Amino acid sequence: MPRQQFVQALPDTSRVQQQPNGPTAEQIKEADKRTTTVNIFGVLLLLLGLGLLIGGISVGGWGGLALFVYGFVPLILSIPLMIFRSKNSTRRLASEKLKAERKAARNK
């Protein structure tokens, strides 16, 4: 008695387009705008803090001391704003890609 062979029809995967698994170009552009805005605000706070520190030094007295101390607040607030990277920003995506490549190379 001859053997029966079963042929299963599989879909043609060469015609199926793969869906992108990352953010779209519009999302990246919007994230870069947001990141740039926050970074500029951080630089402005840094300049304000430096201005208050310099003003406090040049004025002298108790008022100068108050300006000097108030100058540290914008300086401290400016640091996280200057290093901020939003979720889909170009810099963050590049660093995540580099981390993934390093991890894959380490696991080989």
PDB file of N, CA and C in Angstrom:
ATOM      1  N   MET A   1       0.840  -1.169   0.000  1.00  0.00           N
ATOM      2  CA  MET A   1       0.000   0.000   0.000  1.00  0.00           C
ATOM      3  C   MET A   1       0.894   1.244   0.000  1.00  0.00           C
ATOM      4  N   PRO A   2       0.663   2.217  -0.889  1.00  0.00           N
ATOM      5  CA  PRO A   2       1.525   3.400  -0.971  1.00  0.00           C
ATOM      6  C   PRO A   2       1.275   4.355   0.206  1.00  0.00           C
ATOM      7  N   ARG A   3       2.329   5.002   0.587  1.00  0.00           N
ATOM      8  CA  ARG A   3       2.233   5.997   1.670  1.00  0.00           C
ATOM      9  C   ARG A   3       1.612   7.279   1.148  1.00  0.00           C
ATOM     10  N   GLN A   4       0.814   7.865   1.970  1.00  0.00           N
ATOM     11  CA  GLN A   4       0.220   9.150   1.597  1.00  0.00           C
ATOM     12  C   GLN A   4       1.058  10.275   2.216  1.00  0.00           C
ATOM     13  N   GLN A   5       1.371  11.225   1.369  1.00  0.00           N
ATOM     14  CA  GLN A   5       2.133  12.361   1.858  1.00  0.00           C
ATOM     15  C   GLN A   5       1.211  13.571   1.949  1.00  0.00           C
ATOM     16  N   PHE A   6       1.356  14.260   3.033  1.00  0.00           N
ATOM     17  CA  PHE A   6       0.545  15.449   3.241  1.00  0.00           C
ATOM     18  C   PHE A   6       1.402  16.679   2.962  1.00  0.00           C
ATOM     19  N   VAL A   7       0.871  17.537   2.156  1.00  0.00           N
ATOM     20  CA  VAL A   7       1.554  18.787   1.844  1.00  0.00           C
ATOM     21  C   VAL A   7       0.758  19.909   2.486  1.00  0.00           C
ATOM     22  N   GLN A   8       1.453  20.657   3.277  1.00  0.00           N
ATOM     23  CA  GLN A   8       0.793  21.784   3.943  1.00  0.00           C
ATOM     24  C   GLN A   8       1.193  23.067   3.231  1.00  0.00           C
ATOM     25  N   ALA A   9       0.212  23.822   2.855  1.00  0.00           N
ATOM     26  CA  ALA A   9       0.473  25.081   2.162  1.00  0.00           C
ATOM     27  C   ALA A   9       0.816  26.147   3.189  1.00  0.00           C
ATOM     28  N   LEU A  10       2.011  26.683   3.081  1.00  0.00           N
ATOM     29  CA  LEU A  10       2.453  27.743   3.975  1.00  0.00           C
ATOM     30  C   LEU A  10       2.324  29.089   3.264  1.00  0.00           C
ATOM     31  N   PRO A  11       2.064  30.138   4.000  1.00  0.00           N
ATOM     32  CA  PRO A  11       1.950  31.446   3.351  1.00  0.00           C
ATOM     33  C   PRO A  11       3.301  31.895   2.803  1.00  0.00           C
ATOM     34  N   ASP A  12       3.224  32.646   1.742  1.00  0.00           N
ATOM     35  CA  ASP A  12       4.435  33.175   1.119  1.00  0.00           C
ATOM     36  C   ASP A  12       4.921  34.358   1.957  1.00  0.00           C
ATOM     37  N   THR A  13       5.984  34.147   2.731  1.00  0.00           N
ATOM     38  CA  THR A  13       6.464  35.201   3.626  1.00  0.00           C
ATOM     39  C   THR A  13       7.301  36.238   2.911  1.00  0.00           C
ATOM     40  N   SER A  14       7.683  35.974   1.681  1.00  0.00           N
ATOM     41  CA  SER A  14       8.493  36.961   0.968  1.00  0.00           C
ATOM     42  C   SER A  14       7.662  38.172   0.564  1.00  0.00           C
ATOM     43  N   ARG A  15       6.372  38.017   0.505  1.00  0.00           N
ATOM     44  CA  ARG A  15       5.507  39.127   0.110  1.00  0.00           C
ATOM     45  C   ARG A  15       4.924  39.883   1.294  1.00  0.00           C
ATOM     46  N   VAL A  16       5.039  39.301   2.454  1.00  0.00           N
ATOM     47  CA  VAL A  16       4.489  39.938   3.654  1.00  0.00           C
ATOM     48  C   VAL A  16       5.487  40.985   4.135  1.00  0.00           C
ATOM     49  N   GLN A  17       5.015  42.215   4.288  1.00  0.00           N
ATOM     50  CA  GLN A  17       5.889  43.282   4.763  1.00  0.00           C
ATOM     51  C   GLN A  17       5.927  43.251   6.283  1.00  0.00           C
ATOM     52  N   GLN A  18       7.119  43.359   6.800  1.00  0.00           N
ATOM     53  CA  GLN A  18       7.263  43.365   8.246  1.00  0.00           C
ATOM     54  C   GLN A  18       6.914  44.741   8.785  1.00  0.00           C
ATOM     55  N   GLN A  19       6.267  44.730   9.931  1.00  0.00           N
ATOM     56  CA  GLN A  19       5.893  45.981  10.580  1.00  0.00           C
ATOM     57  C   GLN A  19       7.092  46.526  11.340  1.00  0.00           C
ATOM     58  N   PRO A  20       7.316  47.836  11.272  1.00  0.00           N
ATOM     59  CA  PRO A  20       8.431  48.398  12.047  1.00  0.00           C
ATOM     60  C   PRO A  20       8.144  48.259  13.534  1.00  0.00           C
ATOM     61  N   ASN A  21       9.148  47.875  14.303  1.00  0.00           N
ATOM     62  CA  ASN A  21       8.932  47.664  15.725  1.00  0.00           C
ATOM     63  C   ASN A  21       9.413  48.840  16.570  1.00  0.00           C
ATOM     64  N   GLY A  22       9.907  49.886  15.951  1.00  0.00           N
ATOM     65  CA  GLY A  22      10.367  51.061  16.683  1.00  0.00           C
ATOM     66  C   GLY A  22       9.417  52.235  16.486  1.00  0.00           C
ATOM     67  N   PRO A  23       9.780  53.372  17.015  1.00  0.00           N
ATOM     68  CA  PRO A  23       8.944  54.556  16.855  1.00  0.00           C
ATOM     69  C   PRO A  23       8.993  55.073  15.417  1.00  0.00           C
ATOM     70  N   THR A  24       7.950  55.768  15.033  1.00  0.00           N
ATOM     71  CA  THR A  24       7.892  56.324  13.690  1.00  0.00           C
ATOM     72  C   THR A  24       8.756  57.580  13.609  1.00  0.00           C
ATOM     73  N   ALA A  25       8.990  58.023  12.390  1.00  0.00           N
ATOM     74  CA  ALA A  25       9.818  59.221  12.195  1.00  0.00           C
ATOM     75  C   ALA A  25       9.161  60.444  12.832  1.00  0.00           C
ATOM     76  N   GLU A  26       7.840  60.517  12.778  1.00  0.00           N
ATOM     77  CA  GLU A  26       7.127  61.655  13.374  1.00  0.00           C
ATOM     78  C   GLU A  26       7.274  61.656  14.896  1.00  0.00           C
ATOM     79  N   GLN A  27       7.222  60.471  15.513  1.00  0.00           N
ATOM     80  CA  GLN A  27       7.399  60.388  16.961  1.00  0.00           C
ATOM     81  C   GLN A  27       8.816  60.798  17.358  1.00  0.00           C
ATOM     82  N   ILE A  28       9.799  60.406  16.555  1.00  0.00           N
ATOM     83  CA  ILE A  28      11.185  60.776  16.851  1.00  0.00           C
ATOM     84  C   ILE A  28      11.370  62.275  16.715  1.00  0.00           C
ATOM     85  N   LYS A  29      10.768  62.860  15.672  1.00  0.00           N
ATOM     86  CA  LYS A  29      10.892  64.301  15.457  1.00  0.00           C
ATOM     87  C   LYS A  29      10.258  65.073  16.613  1.00  0.00           C
ATOM     88  N   GLU A  30       9.094  64.628  17.063  1.00  0.00           N
ATOM     89  CA  GLU A  30       8.416  65.289  18.178  1.00  0.00           C
ATOM     90  C   GLU A  30       9.231  65.141  19.469  1.00  0.00           C
ATOM     91  N   ALA A  31       9.803  63.962  19.680  1.00  0.00           N
ATOM     92  CA  ALA A  31      10.616  63.742  20.881  1.00  0.00           C
ATOM     93  C   ALA A  31      11.870  64.601  20.849  1.00  0.00           C
ATOM     94  N   ASP A  32      12.465  64.757  19.667  1.00  0.00           N
ATOM     95  CA  ASP A  32      13.655  65.604  19.570  1.00  0.00           C
ATOM     96  C   ASP A  32      13.318  67.060  19.857  1.00  0.00           C
ATOM     97  N   LYS A  33      12.143  67.515  19.408  1.00  0.00           N
ATOM     98  CA  LYS A  33      11.719  68.890  19.711  1.00  0.00           C
ATOM     99  C   LYS A  33      11.557  69.066  21.217  1.00  0.00           C
ATOM    100  N   ARG A  34      10.920  68.098  21.865  1.00  0.00           N
ATOM    101  CA  ARG A  34      10.687  68.171  23.303  1.00  0.00           C
ATOM    102  C   ARG A  34      12.017  68.157  24.059  1.00  0.00           C
ATOM    103  N   THR A  35      12.915  67.282  23.644  1.00  0.00           N
ATOM    104  CA  THR A  35      14.223  67.201  24.294  1.00  0.00           C
ATOM    105  C   THR A  35      14.976  68.511  24.145  1.00  0.00           C
ATOM    106  N   THR A  36      14.957  69.088  22.948  1.00  0.00           N
ATOM    107  CA  THR A  36      15.648  70.351  22.709  1.00  0.00           C
ATOM    108  C   THR A  36      15.061  71.462  23.560  1.00  0.00           C
ATOM    109  N   THR A  37      13.739  71.515  23.660  1.00  0.00           N
ATOM    110  CA  THR A  37      13.079  72.547  24.463  1.00  0.00           C
ATOM    111  C   THR A  37      13.481  72.435  25.929  1.00  0.00           C
ATOM    112  N   VAL A  38      13.467  71.238  26.466  1.00  0.00           N
ATOM    113  CA  VAL A  38      13.827  71.038  27.871  1.00  0.00           C
ATOM    114  C   VAL A  38      15.302  71.366  28.095  1.00  0.00           C
ATOM    115  N   ASN A  39      16.167  70.966  27.162  1.00  0.00           N
ATOM    116  CA  ASN A  39      17.598  71.270  27.302  1.00  0.00           C
ATOM    117  C   ASN A  39      17.863  72.769  27.250  1.00  0.00           C
ATOM    118  N   ILE A  40      17.157  73.491  26.382  1.00  0.00           N
ATOM    119  CA  ILE A  40      17.321  74.953  26.307  1.00  0.00           C
ATOM    120  C   ILE A  40      16.856  75.604  27.604  1.00  0.00           C
ATOM    121  N   PHE A  41      15.749  75.121  28.160  1.00  0.00           N
ATOM    122  CA  PHE A  41      15.273  75.640  29.433  1.00  0.00           C
ATOM    123  C   PHE A  41      16.305  75.393  30.532  1.00  0.00           C
ATOM    124  N   GLY A  42      16.969  74.247  30.491  1.00  0.00           N
ATOM    125  CA  GLY A  42      18.024  73.954  31.461  1.00  0.00           C
ATOM    126  C   GLY A  42      19.192  74.902  31.334  1.00  0.00           C
ATOM    127  N   VAL A  43      19.574  75.231  30.103  1.00  0.00           N
ATOM    128  CA  VAL A  43      20.680  76.180  29.894  1.00  0.00           C
ATOM    129  C   VAL A  43      20.287  77.568  30.385  1.00  0.00           C
ATOM    130  N   LEU A  44      19.039  77.965  30.141  1.00  0.00           N
ATOM    131  CA  LEU A  44      18.578  79.268  30.633  1.00  0.00           C
ATOM    132  C   LEU A  44      18.615  79.329  32.165  1.00  0.00           C
ATOM    133  N   LEU A  45      18.215  78.234  32.819  1.00  0.00           N
ATOM    134  CA  LEU A  45      18.309  78.202  34.282  1.00  0.00           C
ATOM    135  C   LEU A  45      19.761  78.268  34.743  1.00  0.00           C
ATOM    136  N   LEU A  46      20.647  77.606  34.017  1.00  0.00           N
ATOM    137  CA  LEU A  46      22.068  77.663  34.355  1.00  0.00           C
ATOM    138  C   LEU A  46      22.586  79.093  34.264  1.00  0.00           C
ATOM    139  N   LEU A  47      22.228  79.780  33.187  1.00  0.00           N
ATOM    140  CA  LEU A  47      22.677  81.172  33.024  1.00  0.00           C
ATOM    141  C   LEU A  47      22.084  82.071  34.106  1.00  0.00           C
ATOM    142  N   LEU A  48      20.822  81.831  34.463  1.00  0.00           N
ATOM    143  CA  LEU A  48      20.195  82.608  35.532  1.00  0.00           C
ATOM    144  C   LEU A  48      20.932  82.383  36.851  1.00  0.00           C
ATOM    145  N   GLY A  49      21.238  81.129  37.139  1.00  0.00           N
ATOM    146  CA  GLY A  49      21.957  80.819  38.376  1.00  0.00           C
ATOM    147  C   GLY A  49      23.337  81.448  38.411  1.00  0.00           C
ATOM    148  N   LEU A  50      24.043  81.383  37.292  1.00  0.00           N
ATOM    149  CA  LEU A  50      25.364  82.016  37.234  1.00  0.00           C
ATOM    150  C   LEU A  50      25.260  83.534  37.393  1.00  0.00           C
ATOM    151  N   GLY A  51      24.238  84.116  36.781  1.00  0.00           N
ATOM    152  CA  GLY A  51      24.027  85.560  36.931  1.00  0.00           C
ATOM    153  C   GLY A  51      23.754  85.946  38.368  1.00  0.00           C
ATOM    154  N   LEU A  52      22.940  85.143  39.056  1.00  0.00           N
ATOM    155  CA  LEU A  52      22.665  85.430  40.463  1.00  0.00           C
ATOM    156  C   LEU A  52      23.914  85.251  41.324  1.00  0.00           C
ATOM    157  N   LEU A  53      24.718  84.240  41.020  1.00  0.00           N
ATOM    158  CA  LEU A  53      25.964  84.049  41.780  1.00  0.00           C
ATOM    159  C   LEU A  53      26.906  85.231  41.577  1.00  0.00           C
ATOM    160  N   ILE A  54      27.072  85.634  40.337  1.00  0.00           N
ATOM    161  CA  ILE A  54      27.957  86.769  40.043  1.00  0.00           C
ATOM    162  C   ILE A  54      27.401  88.056  40.648  1.00  0.00           C
ATOM    163  N   GLY A  55      26.076  88.234  40.557  1.00  0.00           N
ATOM    164  CA  GLY A  55      25.449  89.405  41.166  1.00  0.00           C
ATOM    165  C   GLY A  55      25.614  89.418  42.670  1.00  0.00           C
ATOM    166  N   GLY A  56      25.513  88.255  43.288  1.00  0.00           N
ATOM    167  CA  GLY A  56      25.692  88.168  44.735  1.00  0.00           C
ATOM    168  C   GLY A  56      27.101  88.500  45.166  1.00  0.00           C
ATOM    169  N   ILE A  57      28.064  88.099  44.351  1.00  0.00           N
ATOM    170  CA  ILE A  57      29.459  88.396  44.680  1.00  0.00           C
ATOM    171  C   ILE A  57      29.733  89.891  44.534  1.00  0.00           C
ATOM    172  N   SER A  58      29.175  90.493  43.471  1.00  0.00           N
ATOM    173  CA  SER A  58      29.478  91.906  43.208  1.00  0.00           C
ATOM    174  C   SER A  58      28.721  92.859  44.130  1.00  0.00           C
ATOM    175  N   VAL A  59      27.542  92.472  44.611  1.00  0.00           N
ATOM    176  CA  VAL A  59      26.753  93.375  45.458  1.00  0.00           C
ATOM    177  C   VAL A  59      27.332  93.420  46.865  1.00  0.00           C
ATOM    178  N   GLY A  60      27.594  92.285  47.442  1.00  0.00           N
ATOM    179  CA  GLY A  60      28.116  92.253  48.812  1.00  0.00           C
ATOM    180  C   GLY A  60      27.019  92.451  49.840  1.00  0.00           C
ATOM    181  N   GLY A  61      27.344  92.292  51.075  1.00  0.00           N
ATOM    182  CA  GLY A  61      26.376  92.458  52.161  1.00  0.00           C
ATOM    183  C   GLY A  61      25.403  91.293  52.232  1.00  0.00           C
ATOM    184  N   TRP A  62      24.322  91.544  53.017  1.00  0.00           N
ATOM    185  CA  TRP A  62      23.320  90.492  53.175  1.00  0.00           C
ATOM    186  C   TRP A  62      22.531  90.251  51.899  1.00  0.00           C
ATOM    187  N   GLY A  63      22.279  91.313  51.159  1.00  0.00           N
ATOM    188  CA  GLY A  63      21.564  91.150  49.883  1.00  0.00           C
ATOM    189  C   GLY A  63      22.374  90.335  48.890  1.00  0.00           C
ATOM    190  N   GLY A  64      23.666  90.594  48.881  1.00  0.00           N
ATOM    191  CA  GLY A  64      24.549  89.821  48.004  1.00  0.00           C
ATOM    192  C   GLY A  64      24.616  88.364  48.408  1.00  0.00           C
ATOM    193  N   LEU A  65      24.618  88.133  49.719  1.00  0.00           N
ATOM    194  CA  LEU A  65      24.627  86.755  50.207  1.00  0.00           C
ATOM    195  C   LEU A  65      23.338  86.033  49.811  1.00  0.00           C
ATOM    196  N   ALA A  66      22.229  86.748  49.900  1.00  0.00           N
ATOM    197  CA  ALA A  66      20.948  86.146  49.497  1.00  0.00           C
ATOM    198  C   ALA A  66      20.947  85.822  47.999  1.00  0.00           C
ATOM    199  N   LEU A  67      21.442  86.743  47.174  1.00  0.00           N
ATOM    200  CA  LEU A  67      21.523  86.473  45.731  1.00  0.00           C
ATOM    201  C   LEU A  67      22.439  85.288  45.440  1.00  0.00           C
ATOM    202  N   PHE A  68      23.542  85.230  46.171  1.00  0.00           N
ATOM    203  CA  PHE A  68      24.490  84.128  45.979  1.00  0.00           C
ATOM    204  C   PHE A  68      23.833  82.784  46.311  1.00  0.00           C
ATOM    205  N   VAL A  69      23.108  82.734  47.423  1.00  0.00           N
ATOM    206  CA  VAL A  69      22.437  81.500  47.828  1.00  0.00           C
ATOM    207  C   VAL A  69      21.305  81.170  46.862  1.00  0.00           C
ATOM    208  N   TYR A  70      20.527  82.184  46.458  1.00  0.00           N
ATOM    209  CA  TYR A  70      19.441  81.933  45.499  1.00  0.00           C
ATOM    210  C   TYR A  70      19.970  81.494  44.139  1.00  0.00           C
ATOM    211  N   GLY A  71      21.206  81.796  43.843  1.00  0.00           N
ATOM    212  CA  GLY A  71      21.795  81.374  42.580  1.00  0.00           C
ATOM    213  C   GLY A  71      22.014  79.873  42.493  1.00  0.00           C
ATOM    214  N   PHE A  72      22.142  79.215  43.649  1.00  0.00           N
ATOM    215  CA  PHE A  72      22.347  77.767  43.634  1.00  0.00           C
ATOM    216  C   PHE A  72      21.098  76.988  43.248  1.00  0.00           C
ATOM    217  N   VAL A  73      19.925  77.541  43.519  1.00  0.00           N
ATOM    218  CA  VAL A  73      18.678  76.830  43.192  1.00  0.00           C
ATOM    219  C   VAL A  73      18.548  76.607  41.683  1.00  0.00           C
ATOM    220  N   PRO A  74      18.660  77.639  40.843  1.00  0.00           N
ATOM    221  CA  PRO A  74      18.579  77.369  39.401  1.00  0.00           C
ATOM    222  C   PRO A  74      19.726  76.511  38.886  1.00  0.00           C
ATOM    223  N   LEU A  75      20.909  76.644  39.510  1.00  0.00           N
ATOM    224  CA  LEU A  75      22.031  75.795  39.097  1.00  0.00           C
ATOM    225  C   LEU A  75      21.713  74.326  39.331  1.00  0.00           C
ATOM    226  N   ILE A  76      21.168  74.010  40.484  1.00  0.00           N
ATOM    227  CA  ILE A  76      20.834  72.625  40.806  1.00  0.00           C
ATOM    228  C   ILE A  76      19.707  72.116  39.915  1.00  0.00           C
ATOM    229  N   LEU A  77      18.716  72.967  39.650  1.00  0.00           N
ATOM    230  CA  LEU A  77      17.596  72.550  38.794  1.00  0.00           C
ATOM    231  C   LEU A  77      18.002  72.413  37.328  1.00  0.00           C
ATOM    232  N   SER A  78      19.029  73.106  36.913  1.00  0.00           N
ATOM    233  CA  SER A  78      19.410  73.071  35.500  1.00  0.00           C
ATOM    234  C   SER A  78      20.100  71.771  35.103  1.00  0.00           C
ATOM    235  N   ILE A  79      20.757  71.110  36.043  1.00  0.00           N
ATOM    236  CA  ILE A  79      21.528  69.909  35.707  1.00  0.00           C
ATOM    237  C   ILE A  79      20.649  68.791  35.142  1.00  0.00           C
ATOM    238  N   PRO A  80      19.555  68.388  35.812  1.00  0.00           N
ATOM    239  CA  PRO A  80      18.742  67.316  35.217  1.00  0.00           C
ATOM    240  C   PRO A  80      18.058  67.743  33.921  1.00  0.00           C
ATOM    241  N   LEU A  81      17.765  69.026  33.785  1.00  0.00           N
ATOM    242  CA  LEU A  81      17.119  69.483  32.555  1.00  0.00           C
ATOM    243  C   LEU A  81      18.080  69.468  31.369  1.00  0.00           C
ATOM    244  N   MET A  82      19.354  69.697  31.631  1.00  0.00           N
ATOM    245  CA  MET A  82      20.323  69.694  30.534  1.00  0.00           C
ATOM    246  C   MET A  82      20.676  68.280  30.083  1.00  0.00           C
ATOM    247  N   ILE A  83      20.557  67.285  30.961  1.00  0.00           N
ATOM    248  CA  ILE A  83      20.885  65.922  30.564  1.00  0.00           C
ATOM    249  C   ILE A  83      19.639  65.112  30.217  1.00  0.00           C
ATOM    250  N   PHE A  84      18.474  65.748  30.173  1.00  0.00           N
ATOM    251  CA  PHE A  84      17.216  65.072  29.872  1.00  0.00           C
ATOM    252  C   PHE A  84      17.208  64.538  28.448  1.00  0.00           C
ATOM    253  N   ARG A  85      16.687  63.315  28.281  1.00  0.00           N
ATOM    254  CA  ARG A  85      16.456  62.719  26.965  1.00  0.00           C
ATOM    255  C   ARG A  85      15.076  62.095  26.984  1.00  0.00           C
ATOM    256  N   SER A  86      14.208  62.503  26.077  1.00  0.00           N
ATOM    257  CA  SER A  86      12.863  61.954  26.068  1.00  0.00           C
ATOM    258  C   SER A  86      12.864  60.535  25.511  1.00  0.00           C
ATOM    259  N   LYS A  87      11.730  59.866  25.639  1.00  0.00           N
ATOM    260  CA  LYS A  87      11.623  58.431  25.356  1.00  0.00           C
ATOM    261  C   LYS A  87      12.059  58.048  23.945  1.00  0.00           C
ATOM    262  N   ASN A  88      11.630  58.767  22.942  1.00  0.00           N
ATOM    263  CA  ASN A  88      11.932  58.408  21.556  1.00  0.00           C
ATOM    264  C   ASN A  88      12.952  59.331  20.911  1.00  0.00           C
ATOM    265  N   SER A  89      13.755  59.997  21.701  1.00  0.00           N
ATOM    266  CA  SER A  89      14.728  60.917  21.112  1.00  0.00           C
ATOM    267  C   SER A  89      15.822  60.136  20.386  1.00  0.00           C
ATOM    268  N   THR A  90      16.466  60.794  19.456  1.00  0.00           N
ATOM    269  CA  THR A  90      17.495  60.159  18.642  1.00  0.00           C
ATOM    270  C   THR A  90      18.652  59.673  19.500  1.00  0.00           C
ATOM    271  N   ARG A  91      19.069  60.482  20.456  1.00  0.00           N
ATOM    272  CA  ARG A  91      20.185  60.097  21.323  1.00  0.00           C
ATOM    273  C   ARG A  91      19.849  58.871  22.165  1.00  0.00           C
ATOM    274  N   ARG A  92      18.645  58.822  22.716  1.00  0.00           N
ATOM    275  CA  ARG A  92      18.267  57.678  23.555  1.00  0.00           C
ATOM    276  C   ARG A  92      18.149  56.411  22.714  1.00  0.00           C
ATOM    277  N   LEU A  93      17.543  56.513  21.526  1.00  0.00           N
ATOM    278  CA  LEU A  93      17.419  55.336  20.671  1.00  0.00           C
ATOM    279  C   LEU A  93      18.791  54.811  20.256  1.00  0.00           C
ATOM    280  N   ALA A  94      19.720  55.723  19.965  1.00  0.00           N
ATOM    281  CA  ALA A  94      21.068  55.297  19.584  1.00  0.00           C
ATOM    282  C   ALA A  94      21.774  54.613  20.754  1.00  0.00           C
ATOM    283  N   SER A  95      21.614  55.148  21.961  1.00  0.00           N
ATOM    284  CA  SER A  95      22.276  54.532  23.111  1.00  0.00           C
ATOM    285  C   SER A  95      21.651  53.180  23.450  1.00  0.00           C
ATOM    286  N   GLU A  96      20.325  53.047  23.301  1.00  0.00           N
ATOM    287  CA  GLU A  96      19.684  51.757  23.547  1.00  0.00           C
ATOM    288  C   GLU A  96      20.117  50.721  22.512  1.00  0.00           C
ATOM    289  N   LYS A  97      20.282  51.148  21.265  1.00  0.00           N
ATOM    290  CA  LYS A  97      20.742  50.240  20.216  1.00  0.00           C
ATOM    291  C   LYS A  97      22.164  49.775  20.516  1.00  0.00           C
ATOM    292  N   LEU A  98      23.010  50.694  20.964  1.00  0.00           N
ATOM    293  CA  LEU A  98      24.387  50.352  21.302  1.00  0.00           C
ATOM    294  C   LEU A  98      24.437  49.391  22.484  1.00  0.00           C
ATOM    295  N   LYS A  99      23.590  49.622  23.493  1.00  0.00           N
ATOM    296  CA  LYS A  99      23.538  48.718  24.641  1.00  0.00           C
ATOM    297  C   LYS A  99      23.097  47.325  24.215  1.00  0.00           C
ATOM    298  N   ALA A 100      22.104  47.258  23.320  1.00  0.00           N
ATOM    299  CA  ALA A 100      21.624  45.955  22.849  1.00  0.00           C
ATOM    300  C   ALA A 100      22.711  45.223  22.070  1.00  0.00           C
ATOM    301  N   GLU A 101      23.475  45.958  21.259  1.00  0.00           N
ATOM    302  CA  GLU A 101      24.566  45.331  20.511  1.00  0.00           C
ATOM    303  C   GLU A 101      25.653  44.824  21.451  1.00  0.00           C
ATOM    304  N   ARG A 102      25.974  45.585  22.483  1.00  0.00           N
ATOM    305  CA  ARG A 102      26.976  45.146  23.449  1.00  0.00           C
ATOM    306  C   ARG A 102      26.513  43.908  24.191  1.00  0.00           C
ATOM    307  N   LYS A 103      25.238  43.892  24.579  1.00  0.00           N
ATOM    308  CA  LYS A 103      24.695  42.742  25.294  1.00  0.00           C
ATOM    309  C   LYS A 103      24.703  41.505  24.400  1.00  0.00           C
ATOM    310  N   ALA A 104      24.348  41.674  23.127  1.00  0.00           N
ATOM    311  CA  ALA A 104      24.351  40.546  22.206  1.00  0.00           C
ATOM    312  C   ALA A 104      25.767  40.032  21.980  1.00  0.00           C
ATOM    313  N   ALA A 105      26.736  40.930  21.905  1.00  0.00           N
ATOM    314  CA  ALA A 105      28.128  40.517  21.715  1.00  0.00           C
ATOM    315  C   ALA A 105      28.660  39.807  22.959  1.00  0.00           C
ATOM    316  N   ARG A 106      28.224  40.245  24.125  1.00  0.00           N
ATOM    317  CA  ARG A 106      28.671  39.637  25.371  1.00  0.00           C
ATOM    318  C   ARG A 106      28.076  38.236  25.539  1.00  0.00           C
ATOM    319  N   ASN A 107      26.838  38.030  25.052  1.00  0.00           N
ATOM    320  CA  ASN A 107      26.162  36.751  25.229  1.00  0.00           C
ATOM    321  C   ASN A 107      26.579  35.700  24.205  1.00  0.00           C
ATOM    322  N   LYS A 108      27.384  36.064  23.234  1.00  0.00           N
ATOM    323  CA  LYS A 108      27.800  35.087  22.213  1.00  0.00           C
ATOM    324  C   LYS A 108      28.748  34.078  22.752  1.00  0.00           C
TER     325      LYS A 108
END
